[in-house]
Amino acid sequence: MVLTINVAVLLAVILFFLLRRKVQARSRGDQMVTMALAVAFGVVVAPTDFGQSILNAVGQLAEGTTDSGSP
């Protein structure tokens, strides 16, 4: 029996639990670890189809908000 772990899912779970904690109790080191894990998660997810669909959705949203401000 072989157990495989998807790195993106593992990082997402770790980030979920780190971000659920109370903000005022965090040290600078804890914030740096959370930031590093978030960047690593983004790098792992970005080349996947799911990551590309999120990128396209955010891009369309940003384009729509910038177009709505122009006359």
Protein backbone atom coordinates (compact mmCIF):
# COMPACT_ATOMS: atom_id res chain seq x y z
CA MET A 1 0.00 0.00 0.00
CA VAL A 2 1.42 3.38 -1.06
CA LEU A 3 0.30 6.59 0.58
CA THR A 4 0.59 9.73 -1.52
CA ILE A 5 0.16 13.24 -0.23
CA ASN A 6 -0.63 16.17 -2.46
CA VAL A 7 1.71 18.99 -1.41
CA ALA A 8 -0.81 21.70 -2.30
CA VAL A 9 -3.50 20.12 -0.12
CA LEU A 10 -1.05 19.69 2.74
CA LEU A 11 0.03 23.34 2.53
CA ALA A 12 -3.60 24.48 2.32
CA VAL A 13 -4.47 22.57 5.50
CA ILE A 14 -1.45 23.97 7.35
CA LEU A 15 -2.30 27.51 6.23
CA PHE A 16 -5.92 27.04 7.25
CA PHE A 17 -4.95 26.11 10.79
CA LEU A 18 -2.28 28.82 11.04
CA LEU A 19 -4.66 31.54 9.89
CA ARG A 20 -7.45 30.39 12.21
CA ARG A 21 -5.43 31.37 15.27
CA LYS A 22 -5.93 34.71 16.98
CA VAL A 23 -4.01 37.53 15.34
CA GLN A 24 -2.86 39.37 18.45
CA ALA A 25 -0.97 36.34 19.81
CA ARG A 26 1.34 36.03 16.80
CA SER A 27 5.04 36.70 16.92
CA ARG A 28 7.07 38.09 14.03
CA GLY A 29 8.57 34.66 13.39
CA ASP A 30 5.11 33.08 13.23
CA GLN A 31 4.00 35.70 10.70
CA MET A 32 7.08 35.00 8.56
CA VAL A 33 6.39 31.26 8.58
CA THR A 34 2.77 31.87 7.56
CA MET A 35 3.88 34.18 4.76
CA ALA A 36 6.46 31.67 3.51
CA LEU A 37 3.87 28.87 3.50
CA ALA A 38 1.39 31.08 1.63
CA VAL A 39 3.99 31.87 -1.04
CA ALA A 40 4.94 28.19 -1.31
CA PHE A 41 1.25 27.29 -1.67
CA GLY A 42 0.86 29.84 -4.45
CA VAL A 43 3.90 28.50 -6.29
CA VAL A 44 2.64 24.92 -6.03
CA VAL A 45 -0.92 25.72 -7.11
CA ALA A 46 -0.12 28.24 -9.88
CA PRO A 47 0.83 25.81 -12.70
CA THR A 48 -2.23 23.60 -12.17
CA ASP A 49 -5.55 23.96 -14.00
CA PHE A 50 -7.18 25.04 -10.73
CA GLY A 51 -4.55 27.72 -10.20
CA GLN A 52 -4.95 28.99 -13.76
CA SER A 53 -8.72 29.19 -13.38
CA ILE A 54 -8.31 31.23 -10.19
CA LEU A 55 -5.82 33.51 -11.97
CA ASN A 56 -8.24 34.04 -14.88
CA ALA A 57 -11.16 34.76 -12.53
CA VAL A 58 -9.17 37.30 -10.50
CA GLY A 59 -7.88 38.89 -13.71
CA GLN A 60 -11.39 39.27 -15.10
CA LEU A 61 -12.58 40.72 -11.79
CA ALA A 62 -9.73 43.24 -11.74
CA GLU A 63 -10.35 44.15 -15.38
CA GLY A 64 -14.05 44.66 -14.68
CA THR A 65 -13.39 46.95 -11.73
CA THR A 66 -10.86 49.06 -13.63
CA ASP A 67 -13.18 49.32 -16.66
CA SER A 68 -16.10 50.40 -14.48
CA GLY A 69 -14.20 53.48 -13.31
CA SER A 70 -13.47 54.81 -16.79
CA PRO A 71 -16.03 57.07 -18.51
